Amino acid sequence: MTMTFTPFDKRGYPTRAVDAGYGEWAPTYEATVLDLMDLRLFERLSERASIDWGAPDRVVDLACGTGRIGAWLKRRGARAVDGVDLTPEMLTLAEEKGAYDALRQGDAGATGLDGGAYGVATMSLADEHIADLAPVYAEAARILSVSGRFILVGFHPHFLMMGVPTHYENAKGEPTSIESYIHLTSDHVAAAHAAGFRLEDMTEGVVDDAWIAAKPKWEQYRNHPVSFAFAWTKS
């Protein structure tokens, strides 16, 4: 059951389409997004699900953005990492990271990559901008080898439903939202099962002391879940 963010919006920021919004946000993206949102969950799942990032021949980073995840994957021992993203401005920054063996502009739900070519696929902080999850899970299953893993980290639907959108400040310093959708956990499970995945592990991140230290104004959100992570295995 896909819901738009509009009924929950409490801030009323102007809203940009995904490609335009991220193109505008690209220069300041890494100064805005905290590792607490996604990398902390990647680390947690790595330990809990015993993920050896250096084991597969190739890893693919869907919706790779500026390359934060690709750089982290290389630090964790990934041997070869490819990236796909919708936004040219983000891909330019990802290329500068030097962490990717190949980068291409494309949709996470229709990458054009070879089938069965990857042992692990990742996607971080992108699912809320996708109206239909089914093509993304189906595409991840297609490009993964047998028993391949799909690690998906997202902005928690609870936080979106509290009225806090994915947003940034544009060149004029004006807060701007990016088009978003709300997917419940059951939506992910349904799409993943339809694509042939089984759930290996899941974890959630809450606003805690580390978050408050970085964003003191978020004291009002203390203990609320802000992000989540799934570890899926292709059956």
Protein backbone atom coordinates (compact mmCIF):
# COMPACT_ATOMS: atom_id res chain seq x y z
CA MET A 1 0.00 0.00 0.00
CA THR A 2 1.87 3.06 -1.25
CA MET A 3 0.97 6.42 0.28
CA THR A 4 2.22 9.82 -0.76
CA PHE A 5 3.86 12.01 1.85
CA THR A 6 1.41 14.88 1.23
CA PRO A 7 -1.23 13.99 3.89
CA PHE A 8 1.48 13.88 6.57
CA ASP A 9 3.34 17.04 5.55
CA LYS A 10 3.61 19.46 8.48
CA ARG A 11 6.21 21.81 6.99
CA GLY A 12 4.85 22.72 3.59
CA TYR A 13 8.21 23.08 1.88
CA PRO A 14 8.26 23.41 -1.92
CA THR A 15 8.70 19.93 -3.42
CA ARG A 16 11.07 18.97 -6.22
CA ALA A 17 11.10 15.89 -8.43
CA VAL A 18 13.70 13.31 -7.44
CA ASP A 19 16.24 13.95 -10.22
CA ALA A 20 15.95 17.74 -10.00
CA GLY A 21 16.03 17.76 -6.21
CA TYR A 22 19.07 15.56 -5.85
CA GLY A 23 20.81 17.42 -8.63
CA GLU A 24 20.38 20.62 -6.66
CA TRP A 25 21.26 18.98 -3.34
CA ALA A 26 24.39 17.19 -4.61
CA PRO A 27 26.98 19.86 -3.62
CA THR A 28 25.87 19.89 0.04
CA TYR A 29 24.50 16.36 0.39
CA GLU A 30 27.37 14.88 2.38
CA ALA A 31 27.38 17.83 4.78
CA THR A 32 23.71 17.15 5.49
CA VAL A 33 23.28 13.38 5.75
CA LEU A 34 24.73 11.83 8.90
CA ASP A 35 26.40 8.42 8.97
CA LEU A 36 24.05 7.67 11.88
CA MET A 37 21.22 7.44 9.38
CA ASP A 38 22.61 4.63 7.25
CA LEU A 39 26.24 3.63 7.77
CA ARG A 40 25.62 2.79 11.43
CA LEU A 41 22.94 0.33 10.29
CA PHE A 42 25.21 -1.12 7.60
CA GLU A 43 27.79 -1.74 10.31
CA ARG A 44 25.20 -3.34 12.59
CA LEU A 45 23.88 -5.67 9.89
CA SER A 46 27.42 -6.59 8.87
CA GLU A 47 27.99 -7.98 12.35
CA ARG A 48 24.58 -9.52 12.95
CA ALA A 49 24.23 -11.16 9.52
CA SER A 50 27.96 -11.99 9.27
CA ILE A 51 28.37 -10.21 5.93
CA ASP A 52 31.81 -10.56 4.39
CA TRP A 53 31.87 -7.66 1.93
CA GLY A 54 35.07 -8.96 0.36
CA ALA A 55 33.65 -12.38 -0.47
CA PRO A 56 31.65 -11.66 -3.65
CA ASP A 57 33.46 -10.93 -6.90
CA ARG A 58 31.27 -7.87 -7.48
CA VAL A 59 28.98 -5.63 -5.42
CA VAL A 60 26.48 -3.18 -6.91
CA ASP A 61 25.39 0.01 -5.15
CA LEU A 62 21.92 0.99 -6.37
CA ALA A 63 20.99 4.69 -6.05
CA CYS A 64 24.67 5.24 -5.23
CA GLY A 65 24.39 9.03 -4.90
CA THR A 66 27.65 10.78 -4.09
CA GLY A 67 29.43 7.48 -3.44
CA ARG A 68 29.34 7.43 0.37
CA ILE A 69 28.25 3.80 0.39
CA GLY A 70 30.71 2.78 -2.30
CA ALA A 71 33.59 4.28 -0.34
CA TRP A 72 32.40 2.47 2.80
CA LEU A 73 32.15 -0.82 0.89
CA LYS A 74 35.74 -0.47 -0.31
CA ARG A 75 36.88 0.24 3.25
CA ARG A 76 35.11 -2.94 4.31
CA GLY A 77 37.00 -4.99 1.74
CA ALA A 78 34.73 -5.08 -1.30
CA ARG A 79 36.87 -6.04 -4.28
CA ALA A 80 34.85 -4.53 -7.13
CA VAL A 81 31.92 -2.13 -6.78
CA ASP A 82 29.64 -0.79 -9.51
CA GLY A 83 27.17 2.06 -9.00
CA VAL A 84 23.89 3.17 -10.53
CA ASP A 85 22.13 6.47 -9.91
CA LEU A 86 19.43 8.56 -11.54
CA THR A 87 21.17 11.91 -11.12
CA PRO A 88 24.19 13.04 -13.20
CA GLU A 89 25.33 15.51 -10.55
CA MET A 90 25.47 12.75 -7.96
CA LEU A 91 27.34 10.44 -10.32
CA THR A 92 29.97 13.10 -10.94
CA LEU A 93 30.69 13.24 -7.22
CA ALA A 94 30.65 9.44 -6.95
CA GLU A 95 33.25 9.19 -9.71
CA GLU A 96 35.51 11.57 -7.81
CA LYS A 97 35.48 9.15 -4.86
CA GLY A 98 37.39 6.61 -6.94
CA ALA A 99 35.58 3.74 -5.18
CA TYR A 100 33.65 2.41 -8.18
CA ASP A 101 34.84 0.21 -11.01
CA ALA A 102 31.91 1.30 -13.18
CA LEU A 103 29.17 3.90 -12.86
CA ARG A 104 26.05 4.33 -14.95
CA GLN A 105 23.04 6.60 -14.98
CA GLY A 106 19.88 4.61 -14.51
CA ASP A 107 16.86 3.64 -12.48
CA ALA A 108 17.24 1.22 -9.55
CA GLY A 109 14.25 -0.66 -10.92
CA ALA A 110 15.69 -0.99 -14.44
CA THR A 111 19.48 -0.84 -14.29
CA GLY A 112 20.37 -2.55 -17.56
CA LEU A 113 23.09 -4.50 -15.72
CA ASP A 114 23.84 -8.14 -16.50
CA GLY A 115 21.69 -10.73 -14.77
CA GLY A 116 23.27 -12.78 -11.99
CA ALA A 117 26.41 -10.65 -12.02
CA TYR A 118 26.58 -9.59 -8.37
CA GLY A 119 26.94 -11.31 -5.03
CA VAL A 120 25.61 -8.34 -3.04
CA ALA A 121 23.44 -5.35 -3.90
CA THR A 122 22.98 -2.34 -1.65
CA MET A 123 20.56 0.56 -1.70
CA SER A 124 20.53 3.38 0.85
CA LEU A 125 18.08 6.21 1.54
CA ALA A 126 16.27 5.94 -1.77
CA ASP A 127 13.18 3.76 -1.34
CA GLU A 128 11.07 6.67 -0.06
CA HIS A 129 11.38 8.33 -3.46
CA ILE A 130 10.12 5.28 -5.37
CA ALA A 131 6.37 4.97 -5.90
CA ASP A 132 6.40 1.20 -6.49
CA LEU A 133 8.85 -1.07 -4.66
CA ALA A 134 8.15 -4.16 -6.77
CA PRO A 135 10.42 -3.25 -9.72
CA VAL A 136 13.34 -2.50 -7.39
CA TYR A 137 13.15 -5.84 -5.61
CA ALA A 138 12.61 -7.66 -8.90
CA GLU A 139 15.63 -5.95 -10.44
CA ALA A 140 17.80 -6.70 -7.41
CA ALA A 141 16.81 -10.36 -7.68
CA ARG A 142 17.60 -10.37 -11.40
CA ILE A 143 21.10 -8.97 -11.10
CA LEU A 144 22.06 -11.03 -8.03
CA SER A 145 23.59 -14.48 -8.22
CA VAL A 146 21.99 -17.44 -6.44
CA SER A 147 21.98 -16.81 -2.67
CA GLY A 148 22.99 -13.20 -3.30
CA ARG A 149 22.14 -10.60 -0.68
CA PHE A 150 20.22 -7.35 -1.01
CA ILE A 151 20.96 -4.88 1.80
CA LEU A 152 18.44 -2.03 1.82
CA VAL A 153 18.60 0.90 4.22
CA GLY A 154 15.81 3.47 4.29
CA PHE A 155 14.32 6.54 5.93
CA HIS A 156 11.82 5.12 8.43
CA PRO A 157 8.15 5.44 7.41
CA HIS A 158 7.32 6.36 11.00
CA PHE A 159 9.49 9.46 10.75
CA LEU A 160 7.91 10.47 7.46
CA MET A 161 4.46 9.99 8.97
CA MET A 162 5.47 12.35 11.76
CA GLY A 163 5.71 15.02 9.07
CA VAL A 164 9.48 15.21 8.56
CA PRO A 165 10.30 15.00 4.83
CA THR A 166 13.56 14.33 3.06
CA HIS A 167 14.69 17.91 2.56
CA TYR A 168 17.67 20.20 1.94
CA GLU A 169 18.44 23.90 1.56
CA ASN A 170 18.60 25.11 -2.01
CA ALA A 171 21.13 27.63 -3.35
CA LYS A 172 19.03 30.45 -1.89
CA GLY A 173 19.02 28.84 1.55
CA GLU A 174 15.35 27.86 1.25
CA PRO A 175 14.22 24.50 2.69
CA THR A 176 13.06 22.22 -0.12
CA SER A 177 11.52 18.75 -0.05
CA ILE A 178 12.00 15.91 -2.51
CA GLU A 179 9.01 13.94 -3.75
CA SER A 180 8.46 11.07 -1.33
CA TYR A 181 6.27 8.05 -0.71
CA ILE A 182 5.59 6.05 2.42
CA HIS A 183 6.13 2.29 2.34
CA LEU A 184 5.18 0.27 5.39
CA THR A 185 7.31 -2.69 6.44
CA SER A 186 4.66 -4.99 5.03
CA ASP A 187 5.08 -3.32 1.63
CA HIS A 188 8.75 -4.25 1.60
CA VAL A 189 8.01 -7.80 2.72
CA ALA A 190 5.39 -8.28 0.00
CA ALA A 191 7.66 -6.92 -2.75
CA ALA A 192 10.65 -8.91 -1.52
CA HIS A 193 8.75 -12.19 -1.26
CA ALA A 194 7.28 -11.68 -4.73
CA ALA A 195 10.84 -11.31 -6.06
CA GLY A 196 12.03 -14.48 -4.33
CA PHE A 197 13.85 -13.04 -1.32
CA ARG A 198 13.76 -14.28 2.25
CA LEU A 199 14.46 -12.01 5.22
CA GLU A 200 17.74 -12.76 6.92
CA ASP A 201 17.81 -9.86 9.39
CA MET A 202 16.37 -6.41 10.07
CA THR A 203 17.41 -3.57 12.33
CA GLU A 204 16.16 -0.06 13.07
CA GLY A 205 17.87 3.13 14.17
CA VAL A 206 16.32 5.47 16.71
CA VAL A 207 17.08 9.07 17.63
CA ASP A 208 19.45 8.66 20.56
CA ASP A 209 22.18 10.63 22.35
CA ALA A 210 24.43 10.54 19.29
CA TRP A 211 21.67 12.03 17.15
CA ILE A 212 20.87 14.73 19.70
CA ALA A 213 24.54 15.67 19.93
CA ALA A 214 24.58 16.22 16.17
CA LYS A 215 21.09 17.74 15.93
CA PRO A 216 20.08 19.30 19.29
CA LYS A 217 16.71 20.41 17.87
CA TRP A 218 15.83 16.74 17.43
CA GLU A 219 15.35 16.28 21.18
CA GLN A 220 11.63 16.29 20.39
CA TYR A 221 12.15 13.11 18.34
CA ARG A 222 14.17 11.21 20.94
CA ASN A 223 13.55 7.44 20.85
CA HIS A 224 11.57 7.62 17.61
CA PRO A 225 12.74 5.30 14.80
CA VAL A 226 14.44 7.29 12.04
CA SER A 227 15.87 4.61 9.74
CA PHE A 228 15.72 0.88 9.07
CA ALA A 229 17.76 -1.79 7.33
CA PHE A 230 16.89 -5.15 5.77
CA ALA A 231 19.22 -7.99 4.86
CA TRP A 232 17.47 -10.09 2.19
CA THR A 233 18.81 -13.30 0.67
CA LYS A 234 17.83 -14.48 -2.81
CA SER A 235 16.21 -17.89 -2.49
